[in-house]
Amino acid sequence: MAEAFFNSLAKKNKAISAGTNPDEKIHPWTIEVMKEVGIDVSQQKPKLLSDELLKKADKVIIMRYGLSKDIPQKYSLKSEEWKIEKLLGEPITQVRKIRNKIEKKVRRLIKKIN
């Protein structure tokens, strides 16, 4: 969600989302709630976080509190943690609330970058 929001809102920069243990596909509820705000993520594929991606990144956003230990220490200065609740197993109403929270955080990040 954060990648899709960032790439639809930012004019100069690009986001790439990756995880330390990515799912095989985007969850159907994620596709649905993003479609509700006019963003199609149905063709996106979850990506594995690699050292190469970290090297290229200007900023690393850690989406779940407490996972920063998965990011090598040498990248910690350019990382920021966002406390985002888990999506898996949550009702779609909660997924919508999380989507809205992510959108607000992305908008703040874009303002800070610009």
N, C-alpha and C. Protein backbone atom coordinates (compact mmCIF):
# COMPACT_ATOMS: atom_id res chain seq x y z
N MET A 1 0.82 -1.19 0.00
CA MET A 1 0.00 0.00 0.00
C MET A 1 0.86 1.26 0.00
N ALA A 2 1.90 1.26 0.82
CA ALA A 2 2.75 2.45 0.91
C ALA A 2 3.43 2.73 -0.42
N GLU A 3 3.94 1.70 -1.07
CA GLU A 3 4.58 1.88 -2.37
C GLU A 3 3.59 2.48 -3.38
N ALA A 4 2.40 1.93 -3.41
CA ALA A 4 1.39 2.40 -4.36
C ALA A 4 0.99 3.85 -4.07
N PHE A 5 0.77 4.18 -2.81
CA PHE A 5 0.43 5.57 -2.46
C PHE A 5 1.58 6.50 -2.84
N PHE A 6 2.79 6.12 -2.44
CA PHE A 6 3.95 6.99 -2.70
C PHE A 6 4.10 7.23 -4.20
N ASN A 7 4.06 6.16 -4.99
CA ASN A 7 4.28 6.31 -6.42
C ASN A 7 3.15 7.03 -7.13
N SER A 8 1.96 7.03 -6.55
CA SER A 8 0.86 7.78 -7.17
C SER A 8 0.86 9.25 -6.74
N LEU A 9 1.50 9.57 -5.63
CA LEU A 9 1.48 10.94 -5.10
C LEU A 9 2.78 11.71 -5.31
N ALA A 10 3.91 11.04 -5.30
CA ALA A 10 5.21 11.72 -5.42
C ALA A 10 5.48 12.09 -6.87
N LYS A 11 6.07 13.25 -7.06
CA LYS A 11 6.37 13.69 -8.41
C LYS A 11 7.80 13.36 -8.83
N LYS A 12 8.74 13.42 -7.89
CA LYS A 12 10.15 13.28 -8.25
C LYS A 12 10.77 11.95 -7.83
N ASN A 13 10.17 11.27 -6.89
CA ASN A 13 10.80 10.09 -6.31
C ASN A 13 9.98 8.83 -6.58
N LYS A 14 10.60 7.69 -6.32
CA LYS A 14 9.94 6.41 -6.54
C LYS A 14 10.15 5.51 -5.32
N ALA A 15 9.12 4.78 -4.96
CA ALA A 15 9.21 3.83 -3.85
C ALA A 15 9.23 2.40 -4.39
N ILE A 16 9.95 1.55 -3.71
CA ILE A 16 9.95 0.12 -3.97
C ILE A 16 9.71 -0.56 -2.63
N SER A 17 8.69 -1.37 -2.59
CA SER A 17 8.35 -2.09 -1.37
C SER A 17 8.95 -3.49 -1.43
N ALA A 18 9.54 -3.91 -0.31
CA ALA A 18 10.11 -5.25 -0.22
C ALA A 18 10.04 -5.69 1.24
N GLY A 19 10.04 -6.97 1.44
CA GLY A 19 9.94 -7.49 2.80
C GLY A 19 10.96 -8.58 3.07
N THR A 20 11.19 -8.82 4.35
CA THR A 20 12.14 -9.87 4.75
C THR A 20 11.53 -11.26 4.60
N ASN A 21 10.20 -11.32 4.57
CA ASN A 21 9.49 -12.58 4.39
C ASN A 21 8.20 -12.30 3.62
N PRO A 22 8.32 -11.91 2.33
CA PRO A 22 7.14 -11.46 1.60
C PRO A 22 6.17 -12.60 1.28
N ASP A 23 4.89 -12.24 1.20
CA ASP A 23 3.88 -13.19 0.76
C ASP A 23 4.10 -13.50 -0.72
N GLU A 24 3.45 -14.54 -1.20
CA GLU A 24 3.57 -14.90 -2.61
C GLU A 24 2.78 -13.96 -3.51
N LYS A 25 1.68 -13.40 -2.98
CA LYS A 25 0.85 -12.50 -3.77
C LYS A 25 0.21 -11.46 -2.86
N ILE A 26 -0.31 -10.42 -3.49
CA ILE A 26 -1.00 -9.36 -2.76
C ILE A 26 -2.34 -9.92 -2.27
N HIS A 27 -2.67 -9.66 -1.02
CA HIS A 27 -3.92 -10.17 -0.45
C HIS A 27 -5.12 -9.53 -1.15
N PRO A 28 -6.16 -10.30 -1.42
CA PRO A 28 -7.35 -9.76 -2.10
C PRO A 28 -7.97 -8.54 -1.40
N TRP A 29 -7.93 -8.48 -0.07
CA TRP A 29 -8.49 -7.32 0.62
C TRP A 29 -7.63 -6.08 0.39
N THR A 30 -6.33 -6.26 0.27
CA THR A 30 -5.46 -5.12 -0.04
C THR A 30 -5.82 -4.59 -1.43
N ILE A 31 -6.00 -5.49 -2.38
CA ILE A 31 -6.40 -5.08 -3.73
C ILE A 31 -7.72 -4.33 -3.67
N GLU A 32 -8.68 -4.85 -2.92
CA GLU A 32 -10.00 -4.23 -2.84
C GLU A 32 -9.97 -2.85 -2.21
N VAL A 33 -9.29 -2.71 -1.06
CA VAL A 33 -9.31 -1.41 -0.37
C VAL A 33 -8.51 -0.36 -1.13
N MET A 34 -7.50 -0.77 -1.87
CA MET A 34 -6.76 0.19 -2.68
C MET A 34 -7.57 0.60 -3.91
N LYS A 35 -8.32 -0.33 -4.47
CA LYS A 35 -9.19 -0.03 -5.61
C LYS A 35 -10.23 1.01 -5.19
N GLU A 36 -10.68 0.94 -3.93
CA GLU A 36 -11.66 1.90 -3.41
C GLU A 36 -11.16 3.34 -3.46
N VAL A 37 -9.83 3.52 -3.40
CA VAL A 37 -9.26 4.87 -3.46
C VAL A 37 -8.62 5.15 -4.83
N GLY A 38 -8.98 4.31 -5.81
CA GLY A 38 -8.55 4.56 -7.18
C GLY A 38 -7.15 4.08 -7.55
N ILE A 39 -6.59 3.17 -6.76
CA ILE A 39 -5.25 2.66 -7.06
C ILE A 39 -5.33 1.15 -7.27
N ASP A 40 -4.86 0.71 -8.43
CA ASP A 40 -4.88 -0.72 -8.77
C ASP A 40 -3.53 -1.35 -8.41
N VAL A 41 -3.53 -2.24 -7.44
CA VAL A 41 -2.31 -2.94 -7.05
C VAL A 41 -2.36 -4.42 -7.43
N SER A 42 -3.35 -4.79 -8.23
CA SER A 42 -3.57 -6.20 -8.55
C SER A 42 -2.41 -6.83 -9.32
N GLN A 43 -1.63 -6.03 -10.02
CA GLN A 43 -0.51 -6.56 -10.79
C GLN A 43 0.83 -6.52 -10.03
N GLN A 44 0.82 -5.94 -8.85
CA GLN A 44 2.06 -5.89 -8.07
C GLN A 44 2.41 -7.26 -7.53
N LYS A 45 3.69 -7.49 -7.37
CA LYS A 45 4.19 -8.74 -6.81
C LYS A 45 5.05 -8.41 -5.60
N PRO A 46 4.82 -9.08 -4.47
CA PRO A 46 5.69 -8.85 -3.31
C PRO A 46 7.15 -9.20 -3.66
N LYS A 47 8.07 -8.39 -3.14
CA LYS A 47 9.49 -8.58 -3.42
C LYS A 47 10.27 -8.86 -2.14
N LEU A 48 11.33 -9.61 -2.28
CA LEU A 48 12.21 -9.92 -1.16
C LEU A 48 13.19 -8.76 -0.98
N LEU A 49 13.35 -8.32 0.26
CA LEU A 49 14.31 -7.27 0.57
C LEU A 49 15.72 -7.81 0.38
N SER A 50 16.53 -7.08 -0.37
CA SER A 50 17.89 -7.52 -0.63
C SER A 50 18.87 -6.41 -0.23
N ASP A 51 20.12 -6.79 -0.09
CA ASP A 51 21.15 -5.81 0.23
C ASP A 51 21.27 -4.80 -0.92
N GLU A 52 21.06 -5.26 -2.15
CA GLU A 52 21.13 -4.36 -3.30
C GLU A 52 20.05 -3.27 -3.23
N LEU A 53 18.83 -3.65 -2.87
CA LEU A 53 17.76 -2.66 -2.70
C LEU A 53 18.10 -1.67 -1.59
N LEU A 54 18.63 -2.18 -0.48
CA LEU A 54 19.00 -1.31 0.63
C LEU A 54 20.09 -0.32 0.24
N LYS A 55 21.07 -0.78 -0.55
CA LYS A 55 22.15 0.11 -0.98
C LYS A 55 21.62 1.26 -1.84
N LYS A 56 20.63 0.97 -2.68
CA LYS A 56 20.09 1.98 -3.58
C LYS A 56 19.14 2.95 -2.87
N ALA A 57 18.62 2.57 -1.73
CA ALA A 57 17.58 3.35 -1.06
C ALA A 57 18.14 4.62 -0.42
N ASP A 58 17.38 5.70 -0.59
CA ASP A 58 17.69 6.94 0.12
C ASP A 58 17.06 6.92 1.51
N LYS A 59 15.96 6.20 1.62
CA LYS A 59 15.21 6.11 2.87
C LYS A 59 14.63 4.71 2.97
N VAL A 60 14.68 4.13 4.16
CA VAL A 60 14.12 2.80 4.40
C VAL A 60 13.02 2.97 5.44
N ILE A 61 11.80 2.59 5.07
CA ILE A 61 10.68 2.65 6.00
C ILE A 61 10.38 1.23 6.46
N ILE A 62 10.43 1.03 7.75
CA ILE A 62 10.13 -0.28 8.34
C ILE A 62 8.68 -0.23 8.79
N MET A 63 7.86 -1.10 8.22
CA MET A 63 6.42 -0.98 8.40
C MET A 63 5.86 -1.64 9.64
N ARG A 64 6.59 -2.49 10.28
CA ARG A 64 6.07 -3.09 11.51
C ARG A 64 7.05 -2.85 12.62
N TYR A 65 6.56 -2.36 13.71
CA TYR A 65 7.40 -2.04 14.86
C TYR A 65 8.19 -3.26 15.31
N GLY A 66 9.47 -3.07 15.55
CA GLY A 66 10.30 -4.12 16.11
C GLY A 66 11.06 -4.94 15.08
N LEU A 67 10.90 -4.65 13.79
CA LEU A 67 11.61 -5.43 12.78
C LEU A 67 12.92 -4.79 12.35
N SER A 68 13.30 -3.69 12.97
CA SER A 68 14.51 -3.00 12.54
C SER A 68 15.74 -3.87 12.68
N LYS A 69 15.69 -4.90 13.52
CA LYS A 69 16.84 -5.80 13.65
C LYS A 69 17.09 -6.56 12.35
N ASP A 70 16.08 -6.62 11.47
CA ASP A 70 16.25 -7.28 10.18
C ASP A 70 16.98 -6.40 9.17
N ILE A 71 17.10 -5.12 9.47
CA ILE A 71 17.80 -4.19 8.59
C ILE A 71 19.24 -4.07 9.09
N PRO A 72 20.21 -4.34 8.23
CA PRO A 72 21.60 -4.24 8.68
C PRO A 72 21.91 -2.88 9.31
N GLN A 73 22.71 -2.88 10.34
CA GLN A 73 23.04 -1.68 11.11
C GLN A 73 23.54 -0.55 10.22
N LYS A 74 24.28 -0.88 9.17
CA LYS A 74 24.84 0.17 8.31
C LYS A 74 23.76 1.00 7.61
N TYR A 75 22.51 0.51 7.59
CA TYR A 75 21.42 1.25 6.96
C TYR A 75 20.51 1.92 7.98
N SER A 76 20.81 1.78 9.25
CA SER A 76 19.90 2.28 10.28
C SER A 76 19.74 3.80 10.27
N LEU A 77 20.76 4.53 9.81
CA LEU A 77 20.66 5.99 9.79
C LEU A 77 19.65 6.49 8.77
N LYS A 78 19.40 5.71 7.74
CA LYS A 78 18.42 6.14 6.76
C LYS A 78 17.09 5.39 6.91
N SER A 79 16.89 4.79 8.07
CA SER A 79 15.64 4.06 8.29
C SER A 79 14.73 4.80 9.27
N GLU A 80 13.45 4.51 9.13
CA GLU A 80 12.43 5.09 9.99
C GLU A 80 11.37 4.01 10.20
N GLU A 81 10.93 3.84 11.44
CA GLU A 81 9.91 2.82 11.72
C GLU A 81 8.55 3.45 11.81
N TRP A 82 7.59 2.82 11.14
CA TRP A 82 6.19 3.20 11.23
C TRP A 82 5.47 2.08 11.94
N LYS A 83 4.79 2.41 13.00
CA LYS A 83 4.01 1.39 13.73
C LYS A 83 2.70 1.17 12.96
N ILE A 84 2.66 0.08 12.24
CA ILE A 84 1.50 -0.28 11.44
C ILE A 84 1.00 -1.63 11.92
N GLU A 85 -0.28 -1.70 12.21
CA GLU A 85 -0.87 -2.93 12.70
C GLU A 85 -0.82 -4.01 11.62
N LYS A 86 -0.85 -5.26 12.05
CA LYS A 86 -0.85 -6.36 11.08
C LYS A 86 -2.17 -6.38 10.32
N LEU A 87 -2.10 -6.81 9.08
CA LEU A 87 -3.28 -6.89 8.23
C LEU A 87 -3.88 -8.29 8.23
N LEU A 88 -3.02 -9.28 8.28
CA LEU A 88 -3.45 -10.67 8.16
C LEU A 88 -4.45 -11.05 9.25
N GLY A 89 -5.59 -11.55 8.83
CA GLY A 89 -6.60 -11.99 9.77
C GLY A 89 -7.53 -10.90 10.27
N GLU A 90 -7.30 -9.68 9.84
CA GLU A 90 -8.14 -8.57 10.28
C GLU A 90 -9.35 -8.42 9.37
N PRO A 91 -10.47 -7.93 9.91
CA PRO A 91 -11.64 -7.69 9.05
C PRO A 91 -11.36 -6.54 8.09
N ILE A 92 -12.07 -6.52 6.98
CA ILE A 92 -11.81 -5.51 5.95
C ILE A 92 -11.99 -4.09 6.48
N THR A 93 -12.86 -3.89 7.46
CA THR A 93 -13.02 -2.55 8.04
C THR A 93 -11.72 -2.08 8.69
N GLN A 94 -11.00 -3.00 9.33
CA GLN A 94 -9.71 -2.67 9.94
C GLN A 94 -8.65 -2.44 8.87
N VAL A 95 -8.70 -3.22 7.79
CA VAL A 95 -7.76 -3.04 6.69
C VAL A 95 -7.93 -1.64 6.09
N ARG A 96 -9.15 -1.17 6.00
CA ARG A 96 -9.39 0.20 5.50
C ARG A 96 -8.76 1.24 6.43
N LYS A 97 -8.90 1.04 7.73
CA LYS A 97 -8.31 1.98 8.69
C LYS A 97 -6.79 1.99 8.56
N ILE A 98 -6.20 0.82 8.39
CA ILE A 98 -4.75 0.72 8.23
C ILE A 98 -4.33 1.39 6.92
N ARG A 99 -5.10 1.17 5.85
CA ARG A 99 -4.83 1.84 4.56
C ARG A 99 -4.80 3.35 4.75
N ASN A 100 -5.78 3.89 5.46
CA ASN A 100 -5.86 5.33 5.67
C ASN A 100 -4.67 5.84 6.49
N LYS A 101 -4.25 5.05 7.47
CA LYS A 101 -3.09 5.42 8.29
C LYS A 101 -1.82 5.44 7.43
N ILE A 102 -1.67 4.44 6.58
CA ILE A 102 -0.50 4.39 5.69
C ILE A 102 -0.50 5.58 4.74
N GLU A 103 -1.66 5.90 4.18
CA GLU A 103 -1.74 7.04 3.26
C GLU A 103 -1.31 8.33 3.96
N LYS A 104 -1.77 8.56 5.18
CA LYS A 104 -1.38 9.77 5.92
C LYS A 104 0.13 9.81 6.15
N LYS A 105 0.71 8.67 6.52
CA LYS A 105 2.15 8.63 6.76
C LYS A 105 2.94 8.87 5.47
N VAL A 106 2.46 8.32 4.36
CA VAL A 106 3.12 8.54 3.07
C VAL A 106 3.04 10.02 2.69
N ARG A 107 1.89 10.63 2.87
CA ARG A 107 1.76 12.05 2.55
C ARG A 107 2.72 12.90 3.39
N ARG A 108 2.86 12.58 4.67
CA ARG A 108 3.81 13.30 5.54
C ARG A 108 5.25 13.09 5.07
N LEU A 109 5.57 11.86 4.67
CA LEU A 109 6.92 11.56 4.19
C LEU A 109 7.23 12.37 2.92
N ILE A 110 6.29 12.42 2.01
CA ILE A 110 6.50 13.18 0.77
C ILE A 110 6.71 14.66 1.08
N LYS A 111 5.94 15.22 2.01
CA LYS A 111 6.13 16.63 2.41
C LYS A 111 7.53 16.85 2.99
N LYS A 112 7.96 15.89 3.81
CA LYS A 112 9.28 15.99 4.44
C LYS A 112 10.39 15.92 3.40
N ILE A 113 10.23 15.06 2.42
CA ILE A 113 11.24 14.90 1.36
C ILE A 113 11.32 16.16 0.49
N ASN A 114 10.15 16.71 0.19
CA ASN A 114 10.11 17.91 -0.68
C ASN A 114 10.49 19.13 0.12
